[in-house]
Amino acid sequence: MPFIGFGQNDTITNYHENGQLHTIGIFKDGKKEGLWKYYYQDGFLEKSVNYKNGLFNGLWTNYSRNENNELEIDESIYINGRRLGIWKYYVDNTLIKEGYLKNKMRQRIWKYYHDNGQLKKETKWKDDEEIYSRYWDENGNEIDKEIYYVSWGINGNRVDILKY
């Protein structure tokens, strides 16, 4: 994987063995700076990451395809190398869930959505501990609230193991 670029402030371009672009970004005084993009061997964008003084800083976006070939995107905010702020997860450009992360733990309100975009579940977290949850059907009618369970499925479905 050869690098092209020399000096104090240079754009670095790295290629896969098959000739496809692998990485492009800027080094400033020997540290990653600004927007860097990383690509899979087939040329599909894998992630875009922002850096400041060599640390993750700003929006970090991952891209992948699931078993149904649907585009999956997850977005996180980093400040000085730490994930802090809103995290969002999309499938085929439809928001599936979103929430707030601090110190690698869920905080504040997390929201999960039905396929039609209606709110499915809202959960309040503090230091990765669930405080409460509320549920809505696909028409937006509230159907349940304040139920505590140990685990949740990827799309906000509860796994019926009572916490208390």
C-alpha atoms as a PDB file:
ATOM      1  CA  MET A   1       0.000   0.000   0.000  1.00  0.00           C
ATOM      2  CA  PRO A   2       2.158   2.877  -1.210  1.00  0.00           C
ATOM      3  CA  PHE A   3       1.771   6.389   0.136  1.00  0.00           C
ATOM      4  CA  ILE A   4       2.121   9.412  -2.106  1.00  0.00           C
ATOM      5  CA  GLY A   5       3.019  12.710  -0.484  1.00  0.00           C
ATOM      6  CA  PHE A   6       5.881  14.135   1.574  1.00  0.00           C
ATOM      7  CA  GLY A   7       6.523  17.118   3.824  1.00  0.00           C
ATOM      8  CA  GLN A   8       4.784  18.840   6.710  1.00  0.00           C
ATOM      9  CA  ASN A   9       1.295  19.371   5.233  1.00  0.00           C
ATOM     10  CA  ASP A  10       0.447  16.834   2.573  1.00  0.00           C
ATOM     11  CA  THR A  11      -2.494  14.996   1.092  1.00  0.00           C
ATOM     12  CA  ILE A  12      -1.908  11.284   1.529  1.00  0.00           C
ATOM     13  CA  THR A  13      -3.335   8.843  -0.977  1.00  0.00           C
ATOM     14  CA  ASN A  14      -3.194   5.098  -0.267  1.00  0.00           C
ATOM     15  CA  TYR A  15      -4.325   2.380  -2.715  1.00  0.00           C
ATOM     16  CA  HIS A  16      -5.465  -1.229  -2.391  1.00  0.00           C
ATOM     17  CA  GLU A  17      -3.362  -3.857  -4.202  1.00  0.00           C
ATOM     18  CA  ASN A  18      -6.059  -3.963  -6.932  1.00  0.00           C
ATOM     19  CA  GLY A  19      -5.464  -0.272  -7.690  1.00  0.00           C
ATOM     20  CA  GLN A  20      -8.656   1.031  -6.028  1.00  0.00           C
ATOM     21  CA  LEU A  21      -8.345   4.032  -3.734  1.00  0.00           C
ATOM     22  CA  HIS A  22      -8.072   2.928  -0.086  1.00  0.00           C
ATOM     23  CA  THR A  23      -7.463   6.144   1.875  1.00  0.00           C
ATOM     24  CA  ILE A  24      -7.238   9.857   1.215  1.00  0.00           C
ATOM     25  CA  GLY A  25      -6.557  12.519   3.810  1.00  0.00           C
ATOM     26  CA  ILE A  26      -4.252  15.265   5.000  1.00  0.00           C
ATOM     27  CA  PHE A  27      -1.303  15.078   7.350  1.00  0.00           C
ATOM     28  CA  LYS A  28      -0.459  18.330   9.092  1.00  0.00           C
ATOM     29  CA  ASP A  29       2.752  18.366  11.087  1.00  0.00           C
ATOM     30  CA  GLY A  30       2.769  14.556  11.104  1.00  0.00           C
ATOM     31  CA  LYS A  31      -0.822  14.158  12.362  1.00  0.00           C
ATOM     32  CA  LYS A  32      -4.098  13.438  10.598  1.00  0.00           C
ATOM     33  CA  GLU A  33      -6.101  16.604  10.025  1.00  0.00           C
ATOM     34  CA  GLY A  34      -9.522  17.330   8.555  1.00  0.00           C
ATOM     35  CA  LEU A  35     -11.654  14.880   6.581  1.00  0.00           C
ATOM     36  CA  TRP A  36     -10.219  11.433   5.798  1.00  0.00           C
ATOM     37  CA  LYS A  37     -12.029   8.928   3.592  1.00  0.00           C
ATOM     38  CA  TYR A  38     -11.525   5.168   3.582  1.00  0.00           C
ATOM     39  CA  TYR A  39     -12.746   2.834   0.825  1.00  0.00           C
ATOM     40  CA  TYR A  40     -13.381  -0.895   0.434  1.00  0.00           C
ATOM     41  CA  GLN A  41     -11.467  -2.794  -2.270  1.00  0.00           C
ATOM     42  CA  ASP A  42     -14.484  -2.500  -4.595  1.00  0.00           C
ATOM     43  CA  GLY A  43     -14.378   1.315  -4.384  1.00  0.00           C
ATOM     44  CA  PHE A  44     -17.398   1.620  -2.033  1.00  0.00           C
ATOM     45  CA  LEU A  45     -16.917   4.254   0.680  1.00  0.00           C
ATOM     46  CA  GLU A  46     -16.266   2.523   4.026  1.00  0.00           C
ATOM     47  CA  LYS A  47     -16.063   5.522   6.342  1.00  0.00           C
ATOM     48  CA  SER A  48     -15.395   9.216   6.517  1.00  0.00           C
ATOM     49  CA  VAL A  49     -13.658  10.500   9.627  1.00  0.00           C
ATOM     50  CA  ASN A  50     -12.749  13.999  10.775  1.00  0.00           C
ATOM     51  CA  TYR A  51      -9.524  14.609  12.670  1.00  0.00           C
ATOM     52  CA  LYS A  52      -7.993  17.498  14.565  1.00  0.00           C
ATOM     53  CA  ASN A  53      -4.374  17.257  15.705  1.00  0.00           C
ATOM     54  CA  GLY A  54      -4.447  13.502  15.038  1.00  0.00           C
ATOM     55  CA  LEU A  55      -7.550  12.875  17.192  1.00  0.00           C
ATOM     56  CA  PHE A  56     -11.059  12.011  16.031  1.00  0.00           C
ATOM     57  CA  ASN A  57     -12.965  15.275  16.070  1.00  0.00           C
ATOM     58  CA  GLY A  58     -16.326  15.932  14.457  1.00  0.00           C
ATOM     59  CA  LEU A  59     -18.516  13.622  12.421  1.00  0.00           C
ATOM     60  CA  TRP A  60     -17.470   9.966  11.935  1.00  0.00           C
ATOM     61  CA  THR A  61     -19.637   8.062   9.436  1.00  0.00           C
ATOM     62  CA  ASN A  62     -19.470   4.304   8.685  1.00  0.00           C
ATOM     63  CA  TYR A  63     -21.030   2.816   5.540  1.00  0.00           C
ATOM     64  CA  SER A  64     -21.776  -0.852   4.849  1.00  0.00           C
ATOM     65  CA  ARG A  65     -24.243  -3.124   3.075  1.00  0.00           C
ATOM     66  CA  ASN A  66     -26.322  -5.695   4.943  1.00  0.00           C
ATOM     67  CA  GLU A  67     -27.371  -9.172   3.748  1.00  0.00           C
ATOM     68  CA  ASN A  68     -30.219  -7.581   1.755  1.00  0.00           C
ATOM     69  CA  ASN A  69     -27.731  -5.222   0.047  1.00  0.00           C
ATOM     70  CA  GLU A  70     -29.318  -2.268   1.864  1.00  0.00           C
ATOM     71  CA  LEU A  71     -27.058   0.652   2.723  1.00  0.00           C
ATOM     72  CA  GLU A  72     -26.386   0.908   6.467  1.00  0.00           C
ATOM     73  CA  ILE A  73     -24.989   4.141   7.874  1.00  0.00           C
ATOM     74  CA  ASP A  74     -24.030   4.972  11.411  1.00  0.00           C
ATOM     75  CA  GLU A  75     -22.927   8.429  12.445  1.00  0.00           C
ATOM     76  CA  SER A  76     -21.155   9.491  15.621  1.00  0.00           C
ATOM     77  CA  ILE A  77     -19.760  12.751  16.905  1.00  0.00           C
ATOM     78  CA  TYR A  78     -16.273  12.820  18.389  1.00  0.00           C
ATOM     79  CA  ILE A  79     -14.676  15.597  20.409  1.00  0.00           C
ATOM     80  CA  ASN A  80     -10.946  15.422  21.132  1.00  0.00           C
ATOM     81  CA  GLY A  81     -10.804  11.688  20.399  1.00  0.00           C
ATOM     82  CA  ARG A  82     -13.848  10.699  22.466  1.00  0.00           C
ATOM     83  CA  ARG A  83     -17.287   9.794  21.196  1.00  0.00           C
ATOM     84  CA  LEU A  84     -19.607  12.392  22.666  1.00  0.00           C
ATOM     85  CA  GLY A  85     -22.983  13.432  21.360  1.00  0.00           C
ATOM     86  CA  ILE A  86     -25.672  12.237  19.001  1.00  0.00           C
ATOM     87  CA  TRP A  87     -25.349   8.806  17.366  1.00  0.00           C
ATOM     88  CA  LYS A  88     -27.629   7.849  14.455  1.00  0.00           C
ATOM     89  CA  TYR A  89     -28.224   4.599  12.570  1.00  0.00           C
ATOM     90  CA  TYR A  90     -29.881   4.444   9.127  1.00  0.00           C
ATOM     91  CA  VAL A  91     -30.880   1.624   6.765  1.00  0.00           C
ATOM     92  CA  ASP A  92     -31.428   2.689   3.138  1.00  0.00           C
ATOM     93  CA  ASN A  93     -31.475   6.331   4.272  1.00  0.00           C
ATOM     94  CA  THR A  94     -34.295   5.670   6.763  1.00  0.00           C
ATOM     95  CA  LEU A  95     -33.507   6.625  10.363  1.00  0.00           C
ATOM     96  CA  ILE A  96     -33.836   3.490  12.537  1.00  0.00           C
ATOM     97  CA  LYS A  97     -32.534   4.757  15.868  1.00  0.00           C
ATOM     98  CA  GLU A  98     -30.751   7.689  17.433  1.00  0.00           C
ATOM     99  CA  GLY A  99     -29.394   8.583  20.826  1.00  0.00           C
ATOM    100  CA  TYR A 100     -26.772  10.351  22.875  1.00  0.00           C
ATOM    101  CA  LEU A 101     -23.446   8.776  23.869  1.00  0.00           C
ATOM    102  CA  LYS A 102     -20.997   9.928  26.517  1.00  0.00           C
ATOM    103  CA  ASN A 103     -18.007   7.921  27.767  1.00  0.00           C
ATOM    104  CA  LYS A 104     -19.150   4.939  25.646  1.00  0.00           C
ATOM    105  CA  MET A 105     -22.480   4.858  27.546  1.00  0.00           C
ATOM    106  CA  ARG A 106     -26.032   5.623  26.483  1.00  0.00           C
ATOM    107  CA  GLN A 107     -27.357   8.828  28.016  1.00  0.00           C
ATOM    108  CA  ARG A 108     -30.520  10.915  27.751  1.00  0.00           C
ATOM    109  CA  ILE A 109     -33.360   9.987  25.367  1.00  0.00           C
ATOM    110  CA  TRP A 110     -32.890   7.305  22.683  1.00  0.00           C
ATOM    111  CA  LYS A 111     -35.465   6.946  19.918  1.00  0.00           C
ATOM    112  CA  TYR A 112     -36.267   3.953  17.713  1.00  0.00           C
ATOM    113  CA  TYR A 113     -38.479   4.173  14.626  1.00  0.00           C
ATOM    114  CA  HIS A 114     -40.901   1.960  12.712  1.00  0.00           C
ATOM    115  CA  ASP A 115     -40.180   1.376   9.001  1.00  0.00           C
ATOM    116  CA  ASN A 116     -42.772   4.058   8.166  1.00  0.00           C
ATOM    117  CA  GLY A 117     -40.819   6.651  10.192  1.00  0.00           C
ATOM    118  CA  GLN A 118     -43.232   6.754  13.140  1.00  0.00           C
ATOM    119  CA  LEU A 119     -41.681   6.693  16.606  1.00  0.00           C
ATOM    120  CA  LYS A 120     -41.601   3.102  17.895  1.00  0.00           C
ATOM    121  CA  LYS A 121     -39.829   3.398  21.229  1.00  0.00           C
ATOM    122  CA  GLU A 122     -38.366   6.115  23.410  1.00  0.00           C
ATOM    123  CA  THR A 123     -36.023   5.193  26.220  1.00  0.00           C
ATOM    124  CA  LYS A 124     -34.316   7.398  28.771  1.00  0.00           C
ATOM    125  CA  TRP A 125     -30.816   6.280  29.811  1.00  0.00           C
ATOM    126  CA  LYS A 126     -28.350   7.379  32.470  1.00  0.00           C
ATOM    127  CA  ASP A 127     -24.853   5.876  32.429  1.00  0.00           C
ATOM    128  CA  ASP A 128     -26.098   2.971  30.277  1.00  0.00           C
ATOM    129  CA  GLU A 129     -28.891   2.157  32.768  1.00  0.00           C
ATOM    130  CA  GLU A 130     -32.442   2.352  31.500  1.00  0.00           C
ATOM    131  CA  ILE A 131     -34.708   4.748  33.380  1.00  0.00           C
ATOM    132  CA  TYR A 132     -37.955   4.286  31.448  1.00  0.00           C
ATOM    133  CA  SER A 133     -39.374   3.324  28.062  1.00  0.00           C
ATOM    134  CA  ARG A 134     -42.460   4.251  26.081  1.00  0.00           C
ATOM    135  CA  TYR A 135     -43.841   2.473  23.003  1.00  0.00           C
ATOM    136  CA  TRP A 136     -45.984   3.505  20.023  1.00  0.00           C
ATOM    137  CA  ASP A 137     -47.654   1.532  17.264  1.00  0.00           C
ATOM    138  CA  GLU A 138     -47.060   2.242  13.557  1.00  0.00           C
ATOM    139  CA  ASN A 139     -49.885   4.814  13.591  1.00  0.00           C
ATOM    140  CA  GLY A 140     -48.300   6.879  16.387  1.00  0.00           C
ATOM    141  CA  ASN A 141     -50.605   5.690  19.209  1.00  0.00           C
ATOM    142  CA  GLU A 142     -48.897   5.123  22.544  1.00  0.00           C
ATOM    143  CA  ILE A 143     -49.298   1.465  23.546  1.00  0.00           C
ATOM    144  CA  ASP A 144     -47.044   0.936  26.550  1.00  0.00           C
ATOM    145  CA  LYS A 145     -44.773   2.821  28.954  1.00  0.00           C
ATOM    146  CA  GLU A 146     -42.365   2.496  31.867  1.00  0.00           C
ATOM    147  CA  ILE A 147     -41.437  -1.131  31.388  1.00  0.00           C
ATOM    148  CA  TYR A 148     -37.966  -2.260  32.437  1.00  0.00           C
ATOM    149  CA  TYR A 149     -36.244  -5.092  30.595  1.00  0.00           C
ATOM    150  CA  VAL A 150     -32.678  -6.327  30.483  1.00  0.00           C
ATOM    151  CA  SER A 151     -32.174  -6.276  26.726  1.00  0.00           C
ATOM    152  CA  TRP A 152     -33.481  -4.812  23.501  1.00  0.00           C
ATOM    153  CA  GLY A 153     -33.237  -6.019  19.927  1.00  0.00           C
ATOM    154  CA  ILE A 154     -31.452  -3.971  17.258  1.00  0.00           C
ATOM    155  CA  ASN A 155     -34.658  -2.250  16.125  1.00  0.00           C
ATOM    156  CA  GLY A 156     -36.020  -1.483  19.588  1.00  0.00           C
ATOM    157  CA  ASN A 157     -37.902  -4.748  20.111  1.00  0.00           C
ATOM    158  CA  ARG A 158     -37.836  -5.831  23.732  1.00  0.00           C
ATOM    159  CA  VAL A 159     -36.429  -9.158  24.800  1.00  0.00           C
ATOM    160  CA  ASP A 160     -38.793 -10.401  27.520  1.00  0.00           C
ATOM    161  CA  ILE A 161     -36.419 -10.767  30.443  1.00  0.00           C
ATOM    162  CA  LEU A 162     -37.665  -8.608  33.298  1.00  0.00           C
ATOM    163  CA  LYS A 163     -35.044  -6.391  34.898  1.00  0.00           C
ATOM    164  CA  TYR A 164     -36.851  -5.837  38.207  1.00  0.00           C
END
